[in-house]
Amino acid sequence: MKKQIATSVFLSAALISPVSQAVDLRYAATPEQSSWEMRVDTPLECRLVHPIPNYGQAEFSSHASKKVNLDFELKMLRPMGATRDVTLVSMPPQWRPGESAERISRMKFFQQFNGYIGGQTAWGILSELEKGRFPTFSYADWQSRDQSIEVSLSSVMFQQNYNAFSRCINQLLPYSFEDISFTILHYDRNSEQLNKASQKRLAQIAEYIRYNKDIDLVLINTYTDRSGAKGVNQNLSERRAVVLRDYFQSLGLDSSRIQIQGYGERRPVADNSSPIGKDKNRRVVISLGRTQV
């Protein structure tokens, strides 16, 4: 039995990259140190963090978007000083010696950046952790090429927070800031109210703003068609702008962060001689700005 276990351990080691066979520095949380934490859990962002003692931390993140997405970053206390080839291997834990190591991928970590992985490979790392395995990165130290580095993610204490992370991803809004930062909405004829389709779009913008505290500017520019007298149209566009200003204030935005302008029948985008053209001209352009982090 002992001989069989020893053989399995040897085979596991043989599947690791050549760099990993003679490792000079290993970074990994012990079972007692291992922890996973949901740092952000909102409809805009999900962030799952794993501290790696003396090295930094591993972070999985997903953001509100039309498409399901996942990013992984190996954040280092000391960023890469040179670009390095990196081997990613899934290692079995020591208490499962009968399992073998499996290579996941090869990649590059770039100079002066944290190690980044996106897309299918990032999902693959999550999958290996869910299986109870230890995704492990191996590369040559940028300070000394003849010294090898190995960094492991521990699956100890992973499952509960992984479940929370999965629930968070499932509840992300299906649109991003870029999807709503510039929006054109339209009005019913001679009305201060948006048409039904535009009301739904405005509700999406409102939902995003409720969760995003970084929105620092809302620009509202309203326009009419030329169905009425010029003065009447100007007054109508200004009333429409005020209605929207009050709406955004009701979401918690300070009035100083909201700028409105009614242009009346000026600046048409279509021919006012046709019903379709008039529909296009009865519009509001909403532009959002946010604090750059």
C-alpha atoms as a PDB file:
ATOM      1  CA  MET A   1       0.000   0.000   0.000  1.00  0.00           C
ATOM      2  CA  LYS A   2       2.811   2.416   0.929  1.00  0.00           C
ATOM      3  CA  LYS A   3       4.549   1.625  -2.333  1.00  0.00           C
ATOM      4  CA  GLN A   4       1.358   2.366  -4.290  1.00  0.00           C
ATOM      5  CA  ILE A   5       0.937   5.752  -2.566  1.00  0.00           C
ATOM      6  CA  ALA A   6       4.567   6.641  -3.180  1.00  0.00           C
ATOM      7  CA  THR A   7       4.151   5.766  -6.865  1.00  0.00           C
ATOM      8  CA  SER A   8       1.069   8.015  -7.131  1.00  0.00           C
ATOM      9  CA  VAL A   9       2.910  10.925  -5.558  1.00  0.00           C
ATOM     10  CA  PHE A  10       5.789  10.424  -7.999  1.00  0.00           C
ATOM     11  CA  LEU A  11       3.425  10.380 -10.983  1.00  0.00           C
ATOM     12  CA  SER A  12       1.744  13.568  -9.753  1.00  0.00           C
ATOM     13  CA  ALA A  13       5.074  15.334  -9.569  1.00  0.00           C
ATOM     14  CA  ALA A  14       6.029  14.119 -13.008  1.00  0.00           C
ATOM     15  CA  LEU A  15       3.042  15.873 -14.573  1.00  0.00           C
ATOM     16  CA  ILE A  16       4.050  19.277 -13.228  1.00  0.00           C
ATOM     17  CA  SER A  17       6.064  21.658 -15.368  1.00  0.00           C
ATOM     18  CA  PRO A  18       9.871  21.381 -15.175  1.00  0.00           C
ATOM     19  CA  VAL A  19       9.970  24.640 -13.195  1.00  0.00           C
ATOM     20  CA  SER A  20       7.737  23.133 -10.526  1.00  0.00           C
ATOM     21  CA  GLN A  21       9.891  20.031 -10.039  1.00  0.00           C
ATOM     22  CA  ALA A  22      12.576  22.007  -8.229  1.00  0.00           C
ATOM     23  CA  VAL A  23      10.757  24.843  -6.499  1.00  0.00           C
ATOM     24  CA  ASP A  24      12.797  27.370  -4.545  1.00  0.00           C
ATOM     25  CA  LEU A  25       9.912  29.429  -3.132  1.00  0.00           C
ATOM     26  CA  ARG A  26       6.392  28.222  -2.427  1.00  0.00           C
ATOM     27  CA  TYR A  27       3.501  30.477  -1.459  1.00  0.00           C
ATOM     28  CA  ALA A  28       0.272  28.958  -0.212  1.00  0.00           C
ATOM     29  CA  ALA A  29      -2.109  29.214   2.714  1.00  0.00           C
ATOM     30  CA  THR A  30      -1.950  26.306   5.135  1.00  0.00           C
ATOM     31  CA  PRO A  31      -5.269  24.595   5.911  1.00  0.00           C
ATOM     32  CA  GLU A  32      -5.406  26.639   9.115  1.00  0.00           C
ATOM     33  CA  GLN A  33      -4.719  29.896   7.245  1.00  0.00           C
ATOM     34  CA  SER A  34      -6.935  29.252   4.240  1.00  0.00           C
ATOM     35  CA  SER A  35      -9.890  31.602   3.884  1.00  0.00           C
ATOM     36  CA  TRP A  36     -12.182  32.877   1.150  1.00  0.00           C
ATOM     37  CA  GLU A  37     -14.201  36.065   1.500  1.00  0.00           C
ATOM     38  CA  MET A  38     -16.949  37.776  -0.483  1.00  0.00           C
ATOM     39  CA  ARG A  39     -15.597  41.338  -0.556  1.00  0.00           C
ATOM     40  CA  VAL A  40     -18.284  42.696  -2.905  1.00  0.00           C
ATOM     41  CA  ASP A  41     -21.789  41.307  -3.320  1.00  0.00           C
ATOM     42  CA  THR A  42     -24.045  43.676  -5.297  1.00  0.00           C
ATOM     43  CA  PRO A  43     -26.079  43.583  -8.516  1.00  0.00           C
ATOM     44  CA  LEU A  44     -23.174  45.456 -10.140  1.00  0.00           C
ATOM     45  CA  GLU A  45     -20.174  43.415  -8.992  1.00  0.00           C
ATOM     46  CA  CYS A  46     -19.219  40.148  -7.317  1.00  0.00           C
ATOM     47  CA  ARG A  47     -15.738  39.758  -5.836  1.00  0.00           C
ATOM     48  CA  LEU A  48     -14.312  36.661  -4.125  1.00  0.00           C
ATOM     49  CA  VAL A  49     -10.905  37.020  -2.439  1.00  0.00           C
ATOM     50  CA  HIS A  50      -8.348  34.488  -1.156  1.00  0.00           C
ATOM     51  CA  PRO A  51      -5.325  35.811   0.815  1.00  0.00           C
ATOM     52  CA  ILE A  52      -1.992  34.102   0.091  1.00  0.00           C
ATOM     53  CA  PRO A  53       0.409  34.685   3.013  1.00  0.00           C
ATOM     54  CA  ASN A  54       3.576  36.666   2.165  1.00  0.00           C
ATOM     55  CA  TYR A  55       2.561  36.846  -1.508  1.00  0.00           C
ATOM     56  CA  GLY A  56      -0.665  38.803  -1.952  1.00  0.00           C
ATOM     57  CA  GLN A  57      -4.127  37.574  -2.805  1.00  0.00           C
ATOM     58  CA  ALA A  58      -6.160  35.870  -5.503  1.00  0.00           C
ATOM     59  CA  GLU A  59      -9.339  37.576  -6.700  1.00  0.00           C
ATOM     60  CA  PHE A  60     -12.244  36.378  -8.795  1.00  0.00           C
ATOM     61  CA  SER A  61     -14.616  39.081 -10.030  1.00  0.00           C
ATOM     62  CA  SER A  62     -17.643  39.378 -12.258  1.00  0.00           C
ATOM     63  CA  HIS A  63     -19.488  42.530 -13.327  1.00  0.00           C
ATOM     64  CA  ALA A  64     -22.924  43.546 -14.550  1.00  0.00           C
ATOM     65  CA  SER A  65     -22.981  43.020 -18.298  1.00  0.00           C
ATOM     66  CA  LYS A  66     -24.999  41.683 -21.207  1.00  0.00           C
ATOM     67  CA  LYS A  67     -22.787  38.581 -21.101  1.00  0.00           C
ATOM     68  CA  VAL A  68     -21.765  36.405 -18.169  1.00  0.00           C
ATOM     69  CA  ASN A  69     -18.118  37.172 -17.437  1.00  0.00           C
ATOM     70  CA  LEU A  70     -15.347  36.239 -15.019  1.00  0.00           C
ATOM     71  CA  ASP A  71     -11.922  37.745 -14.324  1.00  0.00           C
ATOM     72  CA  PHE A  72      -9.133  36.341 -12.175  1.00  0.00           C
ATOM     73  CA  GLU A  73      -6.186  38.314 -10.790  1.00  0.00           C
ATOM     74  CA  LEU A  74      -3.191  37.086  -8.856  1.00  0.00           C
ATOM     75  CA  LYS A  75      -2.424  40.290  -6.979  1.00  0.00           C
ATOM     76  CA  MET A  76       1.154  40.448  -5.782  1.00  0.00           C
ATOM     77  CA  LEU A  77       2.672  42.443  -2.929  1.00  0.00           C
ATOM     78  CA  ARG A  78       5.631  42.884  -5.271  1.00  0.00           C
ATOM     79  CA  PRO A  79       4.438  43.269  -8.896  1.00  0.00           C
ATOM     80  CA  MET A  80       6.225  41.399 -11.669  1.00  0.00           C
ATOM     81  CA  GLY A  81       9.509  43.092 -12.551  1.00  0.00           C
ATOM     82  CA  ALA A  82       9.736  41.253 -15.857  1.00  0.00           C
ATOM     83  CA  THR A  83       7.383  39.377 -18.170  1.00  0.00           C
ATOM     84  CA  ARG A  84       7.388  35.652 -17.417  1.00  0.00           C
ATOM     85  CA  ASP A  85       5.943  32.462 -18.911  1.00  0.00           C
ATOM     86  CA  VAL A  86       3.667  30.810 -16.363  1.00  0.00           C
ATOM     87  CA  THR A  87       2.415  27.248 -16.074  1.00  0.00           C
ATOM     88  CA  LEU A  88      -0.940  26.630 -14.393  1.00  0.00           C
ATOM     89  CA  VAL A  89      -1.426  23.137 -12.932  1.00  0.00           C
ATOM     90  CA  SER A  90      -4.261  21.672 -10.878  1.00  0.00           C
ATOM     91  CA  MET A  91      -2.753  19.851  -7.902  1.00  0.00           C
ATOM     92  CA  PRO A  92      -4.542  17.352  -5.653  1.00  0.00           C
ATOM     93  CA  PRO A  93      -4.409  18.098  -1.931  1.00  0.00           C
ATOM     94  CA  GLN A  94      -1.890  16.118   0.110  1.00  0.00           C
ATOM     95  CA  TRP A  95      -4.647  14.096   1.751  1.00  0.00           C
ATOM     96  CA  ARG A  96      -5.720  12.696  -1.673  1.00  0.00           C
ATOM     97  CA  PRO A  97      -2.418  11.099  -2.804  1.00  0.00           C
ATOM     98  CA  GLY A  98      -4.043   8.793  -5.336  1.00  0.00           C
ATOM     99  CA  GLU A  99      -4.928  11.694  -7.632  1.00  0.00           C
ATOM    100  CA  SER A 100      -2.597  13.112 -10.256  1.00  0.00           C
ATOM    101  CA  ALA A 101      -1.710  16.668 -11.184  1.00  0.00           C
ATOM    102  CA  GLU A 102      -3.307  18.059 -14.338  1.00  0.00           C
ATOM    103  CA  ARG A 103      -1.989  20.879 -16.479  1.00  0.00           C
ATOM    104  CA  ILE A 104      -4.613  23.574 -17.105  1.00  0.00           C
ATOM    105  CA  SER A 105      -2.842  26.132 -19.257  1.00  0.00           C
ATOM    106  CA  ARG A 106       0.259  28.152 -20.089  1.00  0.00           C
ATOM    107  CA  MET A 107       0.205  31.949 -20.151  1.00  0.00           C
ATOM    108  CA  LYS A 108       2.266  35.081 -19.594  1.00  0.00           C
ATOM    109  CA  PHE A 109       2.295  37.410 -16.595  1.00  0.00           C
ATOM    110  CA  PHE A 110       3.405  40.816 -17.805  1.00  0.00           C
ATOM    111  CA  GLN A 111       5.941  43.217 -16.326  1.00  0.00           C
ATOM    112  CA  GLN A 112       4.547  45.685 -13.767  1.00  0.00           C
ATOM    113  CA  PHE A 113       1.119  44.012 -13.798  1.00  0.00           C
ATOM    114  CA  ASN A 114      -0.649  41.516 -11.581  1.00  0.00           C
ATOM    115  CA  GLY A 115      -1.244  38.085 -13.071  1.00  0.00           C
ATOM    116  CA  TYR A 116      -4.501  38.261 -15.034  1.00  0.00           C
ATOM    117  CA  ILE A 117      -6.629  35.467 -16.489  1.00  0.00           C
ATOM    118  CA  GLY A 118     -10.051  35.821 -18.050  1.00  0.00           C
ATOM    119  CA  GLY A 119     -12.680  33.812 -19.831  1.00  0.00           C
ATOM    120  CA  GLN A 120     -12.787  30.029 -19.910  1.00  0.00           C
ATOM    121  CA  THR A 121      -9.476  29.556 -18.083  1.00  0.00           C
ATOM    122  CA  ALA A 122     -10.746  31.620 -15.139  1.00  0.00           C
ATOM    123  CA  TRP A 123     -13.879  29.461 -14.997  1.00  0.00           C
ATOM    124  CA  GLY A 124     -11.618  26.421 -15.113  1.00  0.00           C
ATOM    125  CA  ILE A 125      -9.728  27.586 -12.011  1.00  0.00           C
ATOM    126  CA  LEU A 126     -13.026  27.938 -10.153  1.00  0.00           C
ATOM    127  CA  SER A 127     -14.034  24.457 -11.268  1.00  0.00           C
ATOM    128  CA  GLU A 128     -10.801  22.921  -9.965  1.00  0.00           C
ATOM    129  CA  LEU A 129     -11.267  24.641  -6.600  1.00  0.00           C
ATOM    130  CA  GLU A 130     -14.822  23.331  -6.410  1.00  0.00           C
ATOM    131  CA  LYS A 131     -13.402  19.827  -6.903  1.00  0.00           C
ATOM    132  CA  GLY A 132     -11.221  20.351  -3.844  1.00  0.00           C
ATOM    133  CA  ARG A 133      -8.008  20.768  -5.830  1.00  0.00           C
ATOM    134  CA  PHE A 134      -5.262  23.397  -5.634  1.00  0.00           C
ATOM    135  CA  PRO A 135      -4.647  25.463  -8.814  1.00  0.00           C
ATOM    136  CA  THR A 136      -0.922  26.233  -8.803  1.00  0.00           C
ATOM    137  CA  PHE A 137       1.107  28.787 -10.779  1.00  0.00           C
ATOM    138  CA  SER A 138       4.790  28.136 -11.555  1.00  0.00           C
ATOM    139  CA  TYR A 139       7.270  30.580 -13.062  1.00  0.00           C
ATOM    140  CA  ALA A 140      10.880  31.733 -12.923  1.00  0.00           C
ATOM    141  CA  ASP A 141      11.477  34.545 -10.472  1.00  0.00           C
ATOM    142  CA  TRP A 142      11.986  37.847 -12.286  1.00  0.00           C
ATOM    143  CA  GLN A 143      14.836  38.789  -9.949  1.00  0.00           C
ATOM    144  CA  SER A 144      16.697  35.550 -10.542  1.00  0.00           C
ATOM    145  CA  ARG A 145      15.850  33.292 -13.485  1.00  0.00           C
ATOM    146  CA  ASP A 146      17.454  30.269 -11.830  1.00  0.00           C
ATOM    147  CA  GLN A 147      15.042  30.539  -8.902  1.00  0.00           C
ATOM    148  CA  SER A 148      11.560  29.082  -9.343  1.00  0.00           C
ATOM    149  CA  ILE A 149       8.321  30.321  -7.767  1.00  0.00           C
ATOM    150  CA  GLU A 150       5.196  28.322  -7.036  1.00  0.00           C
ATOM    151  CA  VAL A 151       1.924  29.926  -5.900  1.00  0.00           C
ATOM    152  CA  SER A 152      -1.087  27.806  -4.922  1.00  0.00           C
ATOM    153  CA  LEU A 153      -4.736  28.548  -4.268  1.00  0.00           C
ATOM    154  CA  SER A 154      -6.182  26.489  -1.443  1.00  0.00           C
ATOM    155  CA  SER A 155      -9.633  24.916  -1.731  1.00  0.00           C
ATOM    156  CA  VAL A 156      -9.948  24.671   2.061  1.00  0.00           C
ATOM    157  CA  MET A 157     -12.977  26.712   3.241  1.00  0.00           C
ATOM    158  CA  PHE A 158     -13.836  27.467  -0.386  1.00  0.00           C
ATOM    159  CA  GLN A 159     -17.250  25.914  -0.979  1.00  0.00           C
ATOM    160  CA  GLN A 160     -19.498  28.116   1.176  1.00  0.00           C
ATOM    161  CA  ASN A 161     -18.203  31.393  -0.229  1.00  0.00           C
ATOM    162  CA  TYR A 162     -18.139  29.918  -3.729  1.00  0.00           C
ATOM    163  CA  ASN A 163     -21.863  29.254  -3.368  1.00  0.00           C
ATOM    164  CA  ALA A 164     -22.369  32.893  -2.346  1.00  0.00           C
ATOM    165  CA  PHE A 165     -20.253  34.023  -5.306  1.00  0.00           C
ATOM    166  CA  SER A 166     -22.334  31.917  -7.697  1.00  0.00           C
ATOM    167  CA  ARG A 167     -25.581  33.386  -6.320  1.00  0.00           C
ATOM    168  CA  CYS A 168     -24.164  36.875  -6.724  1.00  0.00           C
ATOM    169  CA  ILE A 169     -23.236  36.253 -10.382  1.00  0.00           C
ATOM    170  CA  ASN A 170     -26.741  34.951 -11.024  1.00  0.00           C
ATOM    171  CA  GLN A 171     -28.198  38.240  -9.703  1.00  0.00           C
ATOM    172  CA  LEU A 172     -25.958  40.667 -11.626  1.00  0.00           C
ATOM    173  CA  LEU A 173     -27.774  43.236 -13.749  1.00  0.00           C
ATOM    174  CA  PRO A 174     -27.807  42.206 -17.435  1.00  0.00           C
ATOM    175  CA  TYR A 175     -26.297  45.529 -18.565  1.00  0.00           C
ATOM    176  CA  SER A 176     -23.172  47.544 -17.770  1.00  0.00           C
ATOM    177  CA  PHE A 177     -22.412  51.231 -17.265  1.00  0.00           C
ATOM    178  CA  GLU A 178     -21.319  51.459 -20.903  1.00  0.00           C
ATOM    179  CA  ASP A 179     -24.748  50.154 -21.968  1.00  0.00           C
ATOM    180  CA  ILE A 180     -26.611  52.993 -20.244  1.00  0.00           C
ATOM    181  CA  SER A 181     -24.092  55.859 -20.090  1.00  0.00           C
ATOM    182  CA  PHE A 182     -25.495  57.407 -23.272  1.00  0.00           C
ATOM    183  CA  THR A 183     -29.187  56.873 -23.883  1.00  0.00           C
ATOM    184  CA  ILE A 184     -31.765  58.421 -26.212  1.00  0.00           C
ATOM    185  CA  LEU A 185     -35.391  58.110 -25.074  1.00  0.00           C
ATOM    186  CA  HIS A 186     -38.591  59.289 -26.773  1.00  0.00           C
ATOM    187  CA  TYR A 187     -41.881  60.957 -25.804  1.00  0.00           C
ATOM    188  CA  ASP A 188     -45.504  60.568 -26.725  1.00  0.00           C
ATOM    189  CA  ARG A 189     -46.884  63.526 -28.668  1.00  0.00           C
ATOM    190  CA  ASN A 190     -47.434  66.723 -26.623  1.00  0.00           C
ATOM    191  CA  SER A 191     -46.656  64.836 -23.419  1.00  0.00           C
ATOM    192  CA  GLU A 192     -44.193  65.266 -20.573  1.00  0.00           C
ATOM    193  CA  GLN A 193     -44.126  61.485 -20.170  1.00  0.00           C
ATOM    194  CA  LEU A 194     -41.854  59.100 -22.023  1.00  0.00           C
ATOM    195  CA  ASN A 195     -43.405  56.426 -24.213  1.00  0.00           C
ATOM    196  CA  LYS A 196     -43.712  52.927 -22.740  1.00  0.00           C
ATOM    197  CA  ALA A 197     -40.542  51.512 -24.267  1.00  0.00           C
ATOM    198  CA  SER A 198     -38.524  54.489 -23.026  1.00  0.00           C
ATOM    199  CA  GLN A 199     -40.034  54.205 -19.546  1.00  0.00           C
ATOM    200  CA  LYS A 200     -38.672  50.646 -19.325  1.00  0.00           C
ATOM    201  CA  ARG A 201     -35.238  51.837 -20.417  1.00  0.00           C
ATOM    202  CA  LEU A 202     -35.328  54.656 -17.861  1.00  0.00           C
ATOM    203  CA  ALA A 203     -36.162  52.104 -15.156  1.00  0.00           C
ATOM    204  CA  GLN A 204     -32.987  50.204 -16.075  1.00  0.00           C
ATOM    205  CA  ILE A 205     -30.919  53.373 -15.739  1.00  0.00           C
ATOM    206  CA  ALA A 206     -32.531  54.063 -12.370  1.00  0.00           C
ATOM    207  CA  GLU A 207     -31.815  50.540 -11.130  1.00  0.00           C
ATOM    208  CA  TYR A 208     -28.152  50.900 -12.042  1.00  0.00           C
ATOM    209  CA  ILE A 209     -27.859  54.294 -10.342  1.00  0.00           C
ATOM    210  CA  ARG A 210     -29.399  52.982  -7.120  1.00  0.00           C
ATOM    211  CA  TYR A 211     -26.480  50.602  -6.693  1.00  0.00           C
ATOM    212  CA  ASN A 212     -23.676  52.714  -8.173  1.00  0.00           C
ATOM    213  CA  LYS A 213     -22.464  55.463  -5.847  1.00  0.00           C
ATOM    214  CA  ASP A 214     -19.860  56.611  -8.383  1.00  0.00           C
ATOM    215  CA  ILE A 215     -22.319  58.404 -10.680  1.00  0.00           C
ATOM    216  CA  ASP A 216     -21.300  62.051 -10.319  1.00  0.00           C
ATOM    217  CA  LEU A 217     -22.967  63.696 -13.315  1.00  0.00           C
ATOM    218  CA  VAL A 218     -26.234  63.339 -15.203  1.00  0.00           C
ATOM    219  CA  LEU A 219     -26.739  65.476 -18.312  1.00  0.00           C
ATOM    220  CA  ILE A 220     -30.324  65.798 -19.564  1.00  0.00           C
ATOM    221  CA  ASN A 221     -31.035  67.454 -22.929  1.00  0.00           C
ATOM    222  CA  THR A 222     -34.647  67.483 -24.134  1.00  0.00           C
ATOM    223  CA  TYR A 223     -36.053  68.221 -27.598  1.00  0.00           C
ATOM    224  CA  THR A 224     -39.450  68.486 -29.310  1.00  0.00           C
ATOM    225  CA  ASP A 225     -40.751  68.191 -32.836  1.00  0.00           C
ATOM    226  CA  ARG A 226     -42.199  71.234 -34.662  1.00  0.00           C
ATOM    227  CA  SER A 227     -45.884  70.439 -34.208  1.00  0.00           C
ATOM    228  CA  GLY A 228     -46.577  73.534 -32.103  1.00  0.00           C
ATOM    229  CA  ALA A 229     -45.465  77.129 -31.894  1.00  0.00           C
ATOM    230  CA  LYS A 230     -41.805  77.705 -31.198  1.00  0.00           C
ATOM    231  CA  GLY A 231     -42.397  79.159 -27.722  1.00  0.00           C
ATOM    232  CA  VAL A 232     -44.764  76.340 -26.791  1.00  0.00           C
ATOM    233  CA  ASN A 233     -42.227  73.752 -27.877  1.00  0.00           C
ATOM    234  CA  GLN A 234     -39.478  75.422 -25.885  1.00  0.00           C
ATOM    235  CA  ASN A 235     -41.639  75.448 -22.778  1.00  0.00           C
ATOM    236  CA  LEU A 236     -42.579  71.793 -23.275  1.00  0.00           C
ATOM    237  CA  SER A 237     -38.964  70.687 -23.586  1.00  0.00           C
ATOM    238  CA  GLU A 238     -38.039  72.591 -20.413  1.00  0.00           C
ATOM    239  CA  ARG A 239     -40.909  70.955 -18.481  1.00  0.00           C
ATOM    240  CA  ARG A 240     -39.764  67.546 -19.708  1.00  0.00           C
ATOM    241  CA  ALA A 241     -36.255  68.289 -18.454  1.00  0.00           C
ATOM    242  CA  VAL A 242     -37.551  69.313 -15.018  1.00  0.00           C
ATOM    243  CA  VAL A 243     -39.605  66.112 -14.724  1.00  0.00           C
ATOM    244  CA  LEU A 244     -36.499  64.036 -15.369  1.00  0.00           C
ATOM    245  CA  ARG A 245     -34.380  66.122 -13.013  1.00  0.00           C
ATOM    246  CA  ASP A 246     -36.887  65.503 -10.222  1.00  0.00           C
ATOM    247  CA  TYR A 247     -36.916  61.801 -11.075  1.00  0.00           C
ATOM    248  CA  PHE A 248     -33.137  61.473 -10.763  1.00  0.00           C
ATOM    249  CA  GLN A 249     -33.182  63.453  -7.532  1.00  0.00           C
ATOM    250  CA  SER A 250     -35.718  60.954  -6.163  1.00  0.00           C
ATOM    251  CA  LEU A 251     -33.044  58.258  -6.727  1.00  0.00           C
ATOM    252  CA  GLY A 252     -30.748  60.032  -4.272  1.00  0.00           C
ATOM    253  CA  LEU A 253     -28.664  62.113  -6.674  1.00  0.00           C
ATOM    254  CA  ASP A 254     -27.839  65.612  -5.454  1.00  0.00           C
ATOM    255  CA  SER A 255     -29.221  68.412  -7.629  1.00  0.00           C
ATOM    256  CA  SER A 256     -25.679  69.731  -8.124  1.00  0.00           C
ATOM    257  CA  ARG A 257     -24.872  66.554 -10.060  1.00  0.00           C
ATOM    258  CA  ILE A 258     -27.776  66.964 -12.484  1.00  0.00           C
ATOM    259  CA  GLN A 259     -27.629  69.402 -15.395  1.00  0.00           C
ATOM    260  CA  ILE A 260     -30.679  69.983 -17.594  1.00  0.00           C
ATOM    261  CA  GLN A 261     -31.254  71.866 -20.833  1.00  0.00           C
ATOM    262  CA  GLY A 262     -34.389  72.197 -22.938  1.00  0.00           C
ATOM    263  CA  TYR A 263     -33.737  72.908 -26.621  1.00  0.00           C
ATOM    264  CA  GLY A 264     -37.312  72.984 -27.873  1.00  0.00           C
ATOM    265  CA  GLU A 265     -37.535  72.293 -31.605  1.00  0.00           C
ATOM    266  CA  ARG A 266     -33.877  73.150 -32.216  1.00  0.00           C
ATOM    267  CA  ARG A 267     -31.366  70.551 -33.396  1.00  0.00           C
ATOM    268  CA  PRO A 268     -33.742  68.094 -35.101  1.00  0.00           C
ATOM    269  CA  VAL A 269     -32.271  64.713 -36.038  1.00  0.00           C
ATOM    270  CA  ALA A 270     -34.961  63.839 -38.592  1.00  0.00           C
ATOM    271  CA  ASP A 271     -37.401  65.451 -41.022  1.00  0.00           C
ATOM    272  CA  ASN A 272     -40.290  67.088 -39.118  1.00  0.00           C
ATOM    273  CA  SER A 273     -42.570  66.787 -42.149  1.00  0.00           C
ATOM    274  CA  SER A 274     -43.175  63.083 -41.518  1.00  0.00           C
ATOM    275  CA  PRO A 275     -44.697  61.317 -38.469  1.00  0.00           C
ATOM    276  CA  ILE A 276     -41.662  59.059 -38.182  1.00  0.00           C
ATOM    277  CA  GLY A 277     -39.338  62.046 -38.234  1.00  0.00           C
ATOM    278  CA  LYS A 278     -41.360  63.792 -35.540  1.00  0.00           C
ATOM    279  CA  ASP A 279     -41.240  60.678 -33.363  1.00  0.00           C
ATOM    280  CA  LYS A 280     -37.437  60.732 -33.574  1.00  0.00           C
ATOM    281  CA  ASN A 281     -37.212  64.419 -32.727  1.00  0.00           C
ATOM    282  CA  ARG A 282     -39.372  64.116 -29.577  1.00  0.00           C
ATOM    283  CA  ARG A 283     -36.464  62.877 -27.527  1.00  0.00           C
ATOM    284  CA  VAL A 284     -34.251  63.258 -24.494  1.00  0.00           C
ATOM    285  CA  VAL A 285     -30.538  62.497 -24.462  1.00  0.00           C
ATOM    286  CA  ILE A 286     -29.290  61.281 -21.055  1.00  0.00           C
ATOM    287  CA  SER A 287     -25.539  61.106 -20.481  1.00  0.00           C
ATOM    288  CA  LEU A 288     -24.002  59.713 -17.301  1.00  0.00           C
ATOM    289  CA  GLY A 289     -20.563  60.400 -15.878  1.00  0.00           C
ATOM    290  CA  ARG A 290     -18.908  58.561 -13.027  1.00  0.00           C
ATOM    291  CA  THR A 291     -15.884  58.852 -10.776  1.00  0.00           C
ATOM    292  CA  GLN A 292     -12.881  57.140 -12.300  1.00  0.00           C
ATOM    293  CA  VAL A 293     -11.338  54.703  -9.806  1.00  0.00           C
END
